[in-house]
Amino acid sequence: MAPHSVKPNLRDFQRAKFYRFEEAVIQRHPLNQLLSLDQCRVLAHKYNATVLVKDGRGRRHAGASYEDNLITLPRWSRQTTIVLHEVAHTLVDSQYYPHHGAEFAGALIGLLSRESIGTVESNTGAMLAARLKIDLGWICSDAFSQRNKMLR
């Protein structure tokens, strides 16, 4: 029997909790700034050199696709922390990991700390206090360079 690729049905258990945490903690950080679409592209390309960053006007929510290596950003979402959130989605393969799972949380902590939006320690502590699961291996992993190598 030939193997077939069936996308596993991964439940996004911490999605609502993750968004509440970001809104209450991360988005309130003083270095979270409003950005132009060009500034969003520059920021995204620091961590995923080949990601396509599109104008998301007409959309209600910001969005990202690992498979398409794409981020869409409505005007309201063009801020540092949301761009980093969407970049993290382009680094964590949603076929194998839940969209807001422990691996995603680890990747986002790494991105935030690289932009001085908290430290690895402070963001890890805050996420754990919010009862979010974190894969510590993804915080300083090679996800950033791996993704860039794969897409070149």
N, C-alpha and C. Protein backbone atom coordinates (compact mmCIF):
# COMPACT_ATOMS: atom_id res chain seq x y z
N MET A 1 0.85 -1.18 0.00
CA MET A 1 0.00 0.00 0.00
C MET A 1 0.90 1.24 0.00
N ALA A 2 0.64 2.13 -0.91
CA ALA A 2 1.44 3.36 -1.02
C ALA A 2 1.06 4.33 0.09
N PRO A 3 2.06 4.94 0.70
CA PRO A 3 1.73 5.93 1.74
C PRO A 3 1.08 7.16 1.12
N HIS A 4 0.16 7.71 1.82
CA HIS A 4 -0.48 8.94 1.34
C HIS A 4 -0.32 9.99 2.42
N SER A 5 -0.29 11.22 1.97
CA SER A 5 -0.09 12.28 2.96
C SER A 5 -1.44 12.86 3.35
N VAL A 6 -1.85 12.52 4.54
CA VAL A 6 -3.09 13.05 5.09
C VAL A 6 -2.70 14.05 6.16
N LYS A 7 -3.19 15.25 6.04
CA LYS A 7 -2.88 16.27 7.03
C LYS A 7 -3.55 15.88 8.35
N PRO A 8 -2.75 15.75 9.41
CA PRO A 8 -3.36 15.41 10.69
C PRO A 8 -4.29 16.53 11.17
N ASN A 9 -5.31 16.14 11.90
CA ASN A 9 -6.24 17.12 12.44
C ASN A 9 -5.72 17.57 13.80
N LEU A 10 -4.97 18.66 13.80
CA LEU A 10 -4.36 19.16 15.03
C LEU A 10 -5.26 20.20 15.67
N ARG A 11 -5.67 19.92 16.89
CA ARG A 11 -6.52 20.87 17.60
C ARG A 11 -5.67 21.99 18.17
N ASP A 12 -6.12 23.22 17.98
CA ASP A 12 -5.39 24.40 18.44
C ASP A 12 -5.87 24.74 19.86
N PHE A 13 -5.44 23.94 20.84
CA PHE A 13 -5.94 24.02 22.20
C PHE A 13 -5.72 25.37 22.87
N GLN A 14 -4.61 26.04 22.59
CA GLN A 14 -4.33 27.26 23.35
C GLN A 14 -4.58 28.53 22.57
N ARG A 15 -5.32 28.47 21.49
CA ARG A 15 -5.53 29.65 20.64
C ARG A 15 -6.15 30.82 21.40
N ALA A 16 -7.31 30.62 21.98
CA ALA A 16 -8.01 31.72 22.67
C ALA A 16 -7.17 32.24 23.84
N LYS A 17 -6.58 31.34 24.60
CA LYS A 17 -5.74 31.74 25.73
C LYS A 17 -4.52 32.53 25.24
N PHE A 18 -3.97 32.10 24.10
CA PHE A 18 -2.79 32.78 23.54
C PHE A 18 -3.13 34.20 23.12
N TYR A 19 -4.26 34.37 22.42
CA TYR A 19 -4.67 35.71 22.00
C TYR A 19 -4.95 36.62 23.20
N ARG A 20 -5.59 36.08 24.23
CA ARG A 20 -5.84 36.88 25.44
C ARG A 20 -4.52 37.32 26.07
N PHE A 21 -3.57 36.40 26.14
CA PHE A 21 -2.26 36.72 26.70
C PHE A 21 -1.56 37.81 25.89
N GLU A 22 -1.55 37.67 24.58
CA GLU A 22 -0.88 38.67 23.74
C GLU A 22 -1.51 40.05 23.93
N GLU A 23 -2.82 40.09 23.94
CA GLU A 23 -3.52 41.36 24.08
C GLU A 23 -3.24 42.00 25.44
N ALA A 24 -3.21 41.20 26.48
CA ALA A 24 -3.02 41.73 27.84
C ALA A 24 -1.57 42.05 28.17
N VAL A 25 -0.62 41.33 27.56
CA VAL A 25 0.78 41.47 27.97
C VAL A 25 1.67 41.97 26.83
N ILE A 26 1.76 41.21 25.78
CA ILE A 26 2.75 41.47 24.72
C ILE A 26 2.44 42.76 23.95
N GLN A 27 1.19 42.94 23.56
CA GLN A 27 0.86 44.12 22.75
C GLN A 27 0.95 45.42 23.54
N ARG A 28 1.05 45.34 24.85
CA ARG A 28 1.16 46.55 25.68
C ARG A 28 2.62 46.97 25.90
N HIS A 29 3.55 46.20 25.38
CA HIS A 29 4.97 46.51 25.58
C HIS A 29 5.31 47.84 24.91
N PRO A 30 6.12 48.69 25.55
CA PRO A 30 6.43 50.01 24.98
C PRO A 30 7.15 49.98 23.64
N LEU A 31 7.83 48.89 23.31
CA LEU A 31 8.50 48.81 22.01
C LEU A 31 7.60 48.25 20.90
N ASN A 32 6.36 47.95 21.24
CA ASN A 32 5.40 47.54 20.22
C ASN A 32 4.93 48.80 19.50
N GLN A 33 5.36 48.97 18.26
CA GLN A 33 5.08 50.20 17.53
C GLN A 33 4.20 49.95 16.32
N LEU A 34 3.46 50.98 15.93
CA LEU A 34 2.72 50.94 14.68
C LEU A 34 3.73 51.05 13.54
N LEU A 35 3.49 50.30 12.47
CA LEU A 35 4.43 50.24 11.35
C LEU A 35 3.72 50.48 10.03
N SER A 36 4.46 50.96 9.05
CA SER A 36 3.95 51.02 7.68
C SER A 36 4.07 49.62 7.09
N LEU A 37 3.43 49.38 5.96
CA LEU A 37 3.54 48.07 5.32
C LEU A 37 5.00 47.78 4.94
N ASP A 38 5.72 48.78 4.47
CA ASP A 38 7.14 48.58 4.13
C ASP A 38 7.96 48.23 5.37
N GLN A 39 7.67 48.87 6.50
CA GLN A 39 8.38 48.53 7.74
C GLN A 39 8.04 47.11 8.19
N CYS A 40 6.80 46.69 7.95
CA CYS A 40 6.41 45.31 8.26
C CYS A 40 7.23 44.33 7.43
N ARG A 41 7.41 44.64 6.14
CA ARG A 41 8.21 43.78 5.26
C ARG A 41 9.65 43.66 5.76
N VAL A 42 10.23 44.81 6.11
CA VAL A 42 11.62 44.81 6.59
C VAL A 42 11.74 43.94 7.84
N LEU A 43 10.82 44.11 8.79
CA LEU A 43 10.84 43.32 10.02
C LEU A 43 10.66 41.84 9.71
N ALA A 44 9.70 41.49 8.90
CA ALA A 44 9.45 40.09 8.56
C ALA A 44 10.66 39.46 7.88
N HIS A 45 11.31 40.20 6.98
CA HIS A 45 12.45 39.67 6.23
C HIS A 45 13.69 39.48 7.10
N LYS A 46 13.74 40.10 8.28
CA LYS A 46 14.85 39.85 9.20
C LYS A 46 14.87 38.40 9.65
N TYR A 47 13.70 37.78 9.72
CA TYR A 47 13.58 36.44 10.26
C TYR A 47 13.14 35.40 9.24
N ASN A 48 12.58 35.82 8.14
CA ASN A 48 12.19 34.92 7.06
C ASN A 48 12.41 35.71 5.77
N ALA A 49 13.58 35.54 5.20
CA ALA A 49 14.03 36.39 4.08
C ALA A 49 13.15 36.29 2.85
N THR A 50 12.39 35.23 2.71
CA THR A 50 11.61 35.04 1.48
C THR A 50 10.11 35.17 1.68
N VAL A 51 9.67 35.52 2.87
CA VAL A 51 8.23 35.63 3.12
C VAL A 51 7.62 36.75 2.28
N LEU A 52 6.44 36.51 1.76
CA LEU A 52 5.69 37.53 1.03
C LEU A 52 4.77 38.22 2.03
N VAL A 53 4.90 39.53 2.14
CA VAL A 53 4.07 40.32 3.06
C VAL A 53 3.11 41.14 2.21
N LYS A 54 1.81 40.86 2.37
CA LYS A 54 0.80 41.51 1.54
C LYS A 54 -0.09 42.43 2.36
N ASP A 55 -0.61 43.42 1.67
CA ASP A 55 -1.60 44.33 2.22
C ASP A 55 -2.86 43.52 2.49
N GLY A 56 -3.34 43.57 3.70
CA GLY A 56 -4.51 42.78 4.05
C GLY A 56 -5.79 43.59 4.15
N ARG A 57 -5.79 44.78 3.54
CA ARG A 57 -7.03 45.57 3.61
C ARG A 57 -8.16 44.76 3.00
N GLY A 58 -9.31 44.86 3.63
CA GLY A 58 -10.46 44.06 3.22
C GLY A 58 -10.57 42.78 4.04
N ARG A 59 -9.53 42.44 4.76
CA ARG A 59 -9.56 41.29 5.66
C ARG A 59 -9.85 41.78 7.07
N ARG A 60 -10.46 40.93 7.83
CA ARG A 60 -10.76 41.28 9.21
C ARG A 60 -9.59 41.02 10.15
N HIS A 61 -8.83 39.97 9.84
CA HIS A 61 -7.75 39.54 10.72
C HIS A 61 -6.44 39.44 9.95
N ALA A 62 -5.34 39.61 10.67
CA ALA A 62 -4.03 39.31 10.09
C ALA A 62 -3.97 37.80 9.88
N GLY A 63 -3.15 37.38 8.95
CA GLY A 63 -3.05 35.95 8.70
C GLY A 63 -1.69 35.57 8.18
N ALA A 64 -1.37 34.29 8.32
CA ALA A 64 -0.10 33.78 7.83
C ALA A 64 -0.28 32.35 7.36
N SER A 65 0.55 31.96 6.41
CA SER A 65 0.53 30.59 5.90
C SER A 65 1.95 30.07 5.82
N TYR A 66 2.21 28.96 6.50
CA TYR A 66 3.50 28.30 6.39
C TYR A 66 3.68 27.77 4.98
N GLU A 67 2.64 27.11 4.47
CA GLU A 67 2.71 26.46 3.16
C GLU A 67 2.99 27.46 2.04
N ASP A 68 2.34 28.62 2.09
CA ASP A 68 2.50 29.63 1.04
C ASP A 68 3.59 30.64 1.38
N ASN A 69 4.15 30.56 2.59
CA ASN A 69 5.17 31.51 3.06
C ASN A 69 4.67 32.94 2.85
N LEU A 70 3.51 33.22 3.43
CA LEU A 70 2.77 34.45 3.16
C LEU A 70 2.22 35.03 4.46
N ILE A 71 2.25 36.36 4.55
CA ILE A 71 1.62 37.09 5.66
C ILE A 71 0.72 38.15 5.04
N THR A 72 -0.50 38.29 5.56
CA THR A 72 -1.39 39.38 5.14
C THR A 72 -1.70 40.22 6.37
N LEU A 73 -1.60 41.54 6.19
CA LEU A 73 -1.73 42.45 7.32
C LEU A 73 -2.71 43.59 7.03
N PRO A 74 -3.93 43.52 7.58
CA PRO A 74 -4.82 44.68 7.51
C PRO A 74 -4.16 45.85 8.24
N ARG A 75 -4.60 47.04 7.96
CA ARG A 75 -3.95 48.23 8.55
C ARG A 75 -3.84 48.17 10.06
N TRP A 76 -4.91 47.79 10.76
CA TRP A 76 -4.91 47.81 12.23
C TRP A 76 -3.85 46.88 12.81
N SER A 77 -3.44 45.86 12.05
CA SER A 77 -2.53 44.83 12.58
C SER A 77 -1.06 45.13 12.33
N ARG A 78 -0.76 46.24 11.73
CA ARG A 78 0.63 46.55 11.38
C ARG A 78 1.38 47.12 12.57
N GLN A 79 1.69 46.25 13.49
CA GLN A 79 2.45 46.61 14.67
C GLN A 79 3.46 45.50 14.94
N THR A 80 4.52 45.85 15.61
CA THR A 80 5.65 44.96 15.79
C THR A 80 5.24 43.57 16.27
N THR A 81 4.48 43.50 17.35
CA THR A 81 4.17 42.20 17.94
C THR A 81 3.30 41.34 17.04
N ILE A 82 2.39 41.95 16.32
CA ILE A 82 1.53 41.16 15.43
C ILE A 82 2.32 40.66 14.22
N VAL A 83 3.20 41.49 13.69
CA VAL A 83 4.06 41.03 12.58
C VAL A 83 4.90 39.84 13.05
N LEU A 84 5.49 39.94 14.24
CA LEU A 84 6.30 38.83 14.75
C LEU A 84 5.46 37.58 14.98
N HIS A 85 4.24 37.75 15.45
CA HIS A 85 3.31 36.62 15.62
C HIS A 85 3.11 35.92 14.27
N GLU A 86 2.84 36.71 13.24
CA GLU A 86 2.59 36.12 11.92
C GLU A 86 3.86 35.50 11.34
N VAL A 87 5.02 36.12 11.57
CA VAL A 87 6.28 35.53 11.11
C VAL A 87 6.48 34.17 11.78
N ALA A 88 6.18 34.07 13.07
CA ALA A 88 6.32 32.79 13.77
C ALA A 88 5.50 31.71 13.09
N HIS A 89 4.32 32.06 12.58
CA HIS A 89 3.50 31.08 11.86
C HIS A 89 4.21 30.59 10.60
N THR A 90 5.00 31.44 9.96
CA THR A 90 5.70 31.02 8.74
C THR A 90 6.92 30.16 9.05
N LEU A 91 7.30 30.07 10.32
CA LEU A 91 8.46 29.27 10.73
C LEU A 91 8.08 27.92 11.32
N VAL A 92 6.84 27.76 11.73
CA VAL A 92 6.39 26.53 12.38
C VAL A 92 5.38 25.85 11.46
N ASP A 93 5.73 24.68 10.98
CA ASP A 93 4.90 23.96 10.00
C ASP A 93 3.58 23.50 10.63
N SER A 94 2.50 24.10 10.19
CA SER A 94 1.18 23.82 10.77
C SER A 94 0.66 22.43 10.39
N GLN A 95 1.36 21.72 9.52
CA GLN A 95 0.96 20.34 9.24
C GLN A 95 1.34 19.43 10.40
N TYR A 96 2.35 19.82 11.14
CA TYR A 96 2.87 18.96 12.20
C TYR A 96 2.68 19.51 13.61
N TYR A 97 2.43 20.80 13.72
CA TYR A 97 2.30 21.43 15.03
C TYR A 97 1.04 22.29 15.07
N PRO A 98 0.34 22.32 16.20
CA PRO A 98 -0.84 23.19 16.31
C PRO A 98 -0.46 24.66 16.06
N HIS A 99 -1.38 25.41 15.49
CA HIS A 99 -1.10 26.81 15.10
C HIS A 99 -0.57 27.66 16.25
N HIS A 100 -1.07 27.46 17.43
CA HIS A 100 -0.63 28.26 18.59
C HIS A 100 -0.10 27.34 19.69
N GLY A 101 0.51 26.25 19.26
CA GLY A 101 1.01 25.26 20.20
C GLY A 101 2.33 25.66 20.85
N ALA A 102 2.90 24.71 21.57
CA ALA A 102 4.13 24.95 22.33
C ALA A 102 5.29 25.36 21.43
N GLU A 103 5.38 24.79 20.24
CA GLU A 103 6.46 25.13 19.32
C GLU A 103 6.32 26.56 18.83
N PHE A 104 5.10 26.94 18.48
CA PHE A 104 4.82 28.32 18.06
C PHE A 104 5.18 29.30 19.18
N ALA A 105 4.77 28.97 20.41
CA ALA A 105 5.06 29.84 21.55
C ALA A 105 6.57 30.02 21.71
N GLY A 106 7.32 28.94 21.58
CA GLY A 106 8.78 29.04 21.67
C GLY A 106 9.37 29.91 20.58
N ALA A 107 8.91 29.71 19.34
CA ALA A 107 9.41 30.52 18.23
C ALA A 107 9.09 32.00 18.45
N LEU A 108 7.89 32.29 18.92
CA LEU A 108 7.50 33.69 19.15
C LEU A 108 8.35 34.32 20.26
N ILE A 109 8.62 33.57 21.32
CA ILE A 109 9.48 34.10 22.39
C ILE A 109 10.84 34.47 21.82
N GLY A 110 11.38 33.62 20.96
CA GLY A 110 12.66 33.93 20.33
C GLY A 110 12.62 35.19 19.51
N LEU A 111 11.56 35.37 18.72
CA LEU A 111 11.42 36.57 17.89
C LEU A 111 11.26 37.82 18.75
N LEU A 112 10.40 37.75 19.74
CA LEU A 112 10.16 38.91 20.60
C LEU A 112 11.45 39.35 21.29
N SER A 113 12.20 38.39 21.80
CA SER A 113 13.44 38.75 22.51
C SER A 113 14.47 39.35 21.56
N ARG A 114 14.49 38.90 20.32
CA ARG A 114 15.43 39.48 19.34
C ARG A 114 15.09 40.93 19.03
N GLU A 115 13.84 41.31 19.23
CA GLU A 115 13.41 42.70 19.01
C GLU A 115 13.32 43.47 20.33
N SER A 116 13.85 42.90 21.40
CA SER A 116 13.87 43.52 22.73
C SER A 116 12.47 43.78 23.29
N ILE A 117 11.51 42.99 22.85
CA ILE A 117 10.17 43.05 23.43
C ILE A 117 10.15 41.98 24.51
N GLY A 118 10.65 42.36 25.67
CA GLY A 118 10.87 41.42 26.75
C GLY A 118 12.13 40.61 26.49
N THR A 119 12.46 39.80 27.46
CA THR A 119 13.60 38.88 27.33
C THR A 119 13.05 37.47 27.21
N VAL A 120 13.92 36.55 26.86
CA VAL A 120 13.49 35.15 26.84
C VAL A 120 12.93 34.78 28.21
N GLU A 121 13.62 35.18 29.25
CA GLU A 121 13.19 34.82 30.61
C GLU A 121 11.86 35.46 30.97
N SER A 122 11.71 36.76 30.70
CA SER A 122 10.46 37.44 31.10
C SER A 122 9.27 36.93 30.29
N ASN A 123 9.46 36.72 28.99
CA ASN A 123 8.35 36.23 28.17
C ASN A 123 8.01 34.78 28.48
N THR A 124 9.03 33.97 28.74
CA THR A 124 8.77 32.58 29.13
C THR A 124 8.00 32.55 30.45
N GLY A 125 8.44 33.34 31.41
CA GLY A 125 7.75 33.40 32.70
C GLY A 125 6.32 33.87 32.56
N ALA A 126 6.10 34.90 31.75
CA ALA A 126 4.75 35.43 31.56
C ALA A 126 3.85 34.41 30.87
N MET A 127 4.38 33.71 29.88
CA MET A 127 3.57 32.69 29.19
C MET A 127 3.24 31.53 30.12
N LEU A 128 4.22 31.11 30.90
CA LEU A 128 3.95 30.02 31.84
C LEU A 128 2.94 30.45 32.90
N ALA A 129 3.03 31.70 33.36
CA ALA A 129 2.06 32.22 34.33
C ALA A 129 0.66 32.25 33.74
N ALA A 130 0.57 32.45 32.42
CA ALA A 130 -0.72 32.44 31.72
C ALA A 130 -1.16 31.02 31.38
N ARG A 131 -0.38 30.04 31.84
CA ARG A 131 -0.67 28.62 31.65
C ARG A 131 -0.61 28.21 30.17
N LEU A 132 0.30 28.83 29.44
CA LEU A 132 0.53 28.45 28.05
C LEU A 132 1.66 27.43 28.00
N LYS A 133 1.55 26.48 27.10
CA LYS A 133 2.61 25.49 26.92
C LYS A 133 3.67 26.06 25.99
N ILE A 134 4.93 25.79 26.30
CA ILE A 134 6.06 26.31 25.53
C ILE A 134 7.03 25.17 25.26
N ASP A 135 7.49 25.06 24.03
CA ASP A 135 8.59 24.15 23.71
C ASP A 135 9.87 24.97 23.75
N LEU A 136 10.65 24.80 24.80
CA LEU A 136 11.85 25.61 25.00
C LEU A 136 12.87 25.41 23.88
N GLY A 137 12.83 24.28 23.22
CA GLY A 137 13.75 24.00 22.12
C GLY A 137 13.56 24.92 20.93
N TRP A 138 12.38 25.52 20.81
CA TRP A 138 12.10 26.40 19.67
C TRP A 138 12.48 27.84 19.95
N ILE A 139 12.82 28.18 21.17
CA ILE A 139 13.12 29.57 21.50
C ILE A 139 14.35 30.06 20.76
N CYS A 140 15.40 29.30 20.80
CA CYS A 140 16.64 29.70 20.13
C CYS A 140 17.00 28.66 19.08
N SER A 141 16.00 28.08 18.49
CA SER A 141 16.24 27.01 17.52
C SER A 141 16.74 27.57 16.20
N ASP A 142 17.02 26.67 15.31
CA ASP A 142 17.47 27.05 13.98
C ASP A 142 16.29 27.26 13.03
N ALA A 143 15.09 27.40 13.57
CA ALA A 143 13.90 27.54 12.71
C ALA A 143 14.07 28.69 11.73
N PHE A 144 14.67 29.78 12.18
CA PHE A 144 14.81 30.96 11.34
C PHE A 144 15.74 30.67 10.16
N SER A 145 16.92 30.12 10.44
CA SER A 145 17.85 29.85 9.34
C SER A 145 17.40 28.66 8.51
N GLN A 146 16.77 27.66 9.13
CA GLN A 146 16.27 26.50 8.39
C GLN A 146 15.26 26.93 7.33
N ARG A 147 14.31 27.75 7.73
CA ARG A 147 13.26 28.20 6.81
C ARG A 147 13.88 28.98 5.65
N ASN A 148 14.82 29.84 5.94
CA ASN A 148 15.45 30.64 4.89
C ASN A 148 16.23 29.76 3.93
N LYS A 149 16.91 28.72 4.42
CA LYS A 149 17.67 27.82 3.55
C LYS A 149 16.73 27.01 2.65
N MET A 150 15.62 26.52 3.22
CA MET A 150 14.68 25.70 2.46
C MET A 150 14.08 26.46 1.30
N LEU A 151 13.87 27.73 1.44
CA LEU A 151 13.14 28.50 0.44
C LEU A 151 14.03 29.19 -0.58
N ARG A 152 15.32 29.05 -0.45
CA ARG A 152 16.23 29.70 -1.41
C ARG A 152 16.40 28.88 -2.65
